[in-house]
Amino acid sequence: MRFLLGGLVLLFNFFDNLTTFVCLRTSSPIFEVVEANPVARWTFDQLGLMQGLVLETAVTTAAVTFLIFTDRIPATPKLVLLGTLALLPAWAALNNLQVAWAVGLI
């Protein structure tokens, strides 16, 4: 189960990053689209969008790999954490798609 959830975290994180990239790189003639997460916004301002997304992907991948393989965290909290880490980027990707659709980016 931990491998499945870890895979879902990485898959949904990929879609979150892809939709974030589309929303922030494609301009809308009517709307200004900005990153809502202040930590991500700061990272993108400091490193640039692409480098910020690469850093976020690397950190997420390292965290998921740690969670999958560590014996220091009991199974139940580990599964709850992985499940939560899967739901958050899934929600973010759906939100990004709604924003992109609403402002005419897709």
Protein backbone atom coordinates (compact mmCIF):
# COMPACT_ATOMS: atom_id res chain seq x y z
CA MET A 1 0.00 0.00 0.00
CA ARG A 2 2.84 2.41 0.79
CA PHE A 3 4.28 1.95 -2.71
CA LEU A 4 0.89 2.64 -4.31
CA LEU A 5 0.37 5.78 -2.22
CA GLY A 6 3.94 6.92 -2.86
CA GLY A 7 3.38 6.48 -6.59
CA LEU A 8 0.15 8.47 -6.38
CA VAL A 9 1.95 11.26 -4.53
CA LEU A 10 4.52 11.50 -7.32
CA LEU A 11 1.90 11.23 -10.08
CA PHE A 12 -0.36 13.90 -8.60
CA ASN A 13 2.67 16.07 -7.84
CA PHE A 14 3.65 15.84 -11.52
CA PHE A 15 0.17 16.97 -12.59
CA ASP A 16 0.19 19.77 -10.00
CA ASN A 17 3.55 21.00 -11.32
CA LEU A 18 2.45 20.67 -14.94
CA THR A 19 -0.75 22.63 -14.39
CA THR A 20 1.11 25.20 -12.27
CA PHE A 21 3.59 25.65 -15.13
CA VAL A 22 0.77 26.09 -17.67
CA CYS A 23 -1.05 28.60 -15.48
CA LEU A 24 2.00 30.68 -14.63
CA ARG A 25 3.77 30.57 -18.01
CA THR A 26 0.78 31.23 -20.24
CA SER A 27 -0.49 34.77 -20.12
CA SER A 28 -4.11 35.74 -20.12
CA PRO A 29 -5.11 39.03 -21.73
CA ILE A 30 -7.68 39.64 -18.99
CA PHE A 31 -6.40 37.98 -15.79
CA GLU A 32 -3.12 37.91 -13.92
CA VAL A 33 -2.56 34.40 -12.61
CA VAL A 34 -0.29 34.15 -9.57
CA GLU A 35 0.89 31.33 -7.31
CA ALA A 36 -1.34 31.16 -4.22
CA ASN A 37 1.15 29.30 -2.01
CA PRO A 38 3.45 31.98 -0.53
CA VAL A 39 6.37 29.56 -0.05
CA ALA A 40 6.13 28.36 -3.65
CA ARG A 41 5.71 31.95 -4.88
CA TRP A 42 8.86 33.00 -3.01
CA THR A 43 10.76 29.99 -4.39
CA PHE A 44 9.65 30.82 -7.94
CA ASP A 45 10.66 34.46 -7.43
CA GLN A 46 14.10 33.42 -6.17
CA LEU A 47 14.90 30.55 -8.56
CA GLY A 48 12.54 31.01 -11.48
CA LEU A 49 9.49 28.93 -12.24
CA MET A 50 11.18 25.96 -13.87
CA GLN A 51 13.99 25.69 -11.33
CA GLY A 52 11.52 26.11 -8.47
CA LEU A 53 9.36 23.29 -9.81
CA VAL A 54 12.44 21.08 -10.24
CA LEU A 55 13.47 21.78 -6.63
CA GLU A 56 9.96 21.05 -5.37
CA THR A 57 9.89 17.80 -7.33
CA ALA A 58 13.27 16.75 -5.92
CA VAL A 59 12.23 17.51 -2.34
CA THR A 60 8.92 15.69 -2.78
CA THR A 61 10.61 12.67 -4.34
CA ALA A 62 13.16 12.52 -1.52
CA ALA A 63 10.44 12.81 1.13
CA VAL A 64 8.29 10.12 -0.47
CA THR A 65 11.28 7.80 -0.86
CA PHE A 66 12.14 8.31 2.80
CA LEU A 67 8.56 7.63 3.89
CA ILE A 68 8.27 4.50 1.79
CA PHE A 69 11.50 2.91 3.01
CA THR A 70 11.95 4.13 6.59
CA ASP A 71 11.22 1.86 9.52
CA ARG A 72 11.31 4.77 11.96
CA ILE A 73 7.69 5.74 11.30
CA PRO A 74 4.96 3.21 12.15
CA ALA A 75 2.84 1.88 9.28
CA THR A 76 -0.44 3.62 10.09
CA PRO A 77 0.93 7.18 10.46
CA LYS A 78 3.07 6.58 7.38
CA LEU A 79 0.02 5.60 5.30
CA VAL A 80 -1.98 8.55 6.61
CA LEU A 81 0.87 10.92 5.74
CA LEU A 82 1.31 9.43 2.25
CA GLY A 83 -2.45 9.61 1.69
CA THR A 84 -2.50 13.25 2.72
CA LEU A 85 0.51 13.97 0.51
CA ALA A 86 -1.38 12.40 -2.40
CA LEU A 87 -4.59 14.35 -1.81
CA LEU A 88 -2.97 17.78 -1.58
CA PRO A 89 -1.38 17.88 -5.06
CA ALA A 90 -4.45 16.17 -6.55
CA TRP A 91 -6.58 19.01 -5.17
CA ALA A 92 -4.04 21.59 -6.34
CA ALA A 93 -3.95 20.17 -9.87
CA LEU A 94 -7.75 20.21 -10.08
CA ASN A 95 -7.78 23.78 -8.81
CA ASN A 96 -5.14 24.76 -11.39
CA LEU A 97 -7.24 23.19 -14.15
CA GLN A 98 -10.28 25.16 -12.99
CA VAL A 99 -8.25 28.39 -12.99
CA ALA A 100 -6.78 27.66 -16.43
CA TRP A 101 -10.24 26.93 -17.81
CA ALA A 102 -11.80 30.01 -16.18
CA VAL A 103 -9.22 32.42 -17.56
CA GLY A 104 -9.12 30.81 -20.99
CA LEU A 105 -5.68 29.22 -20.87
CA ILE A 106 -7.04 25.82 -21.92
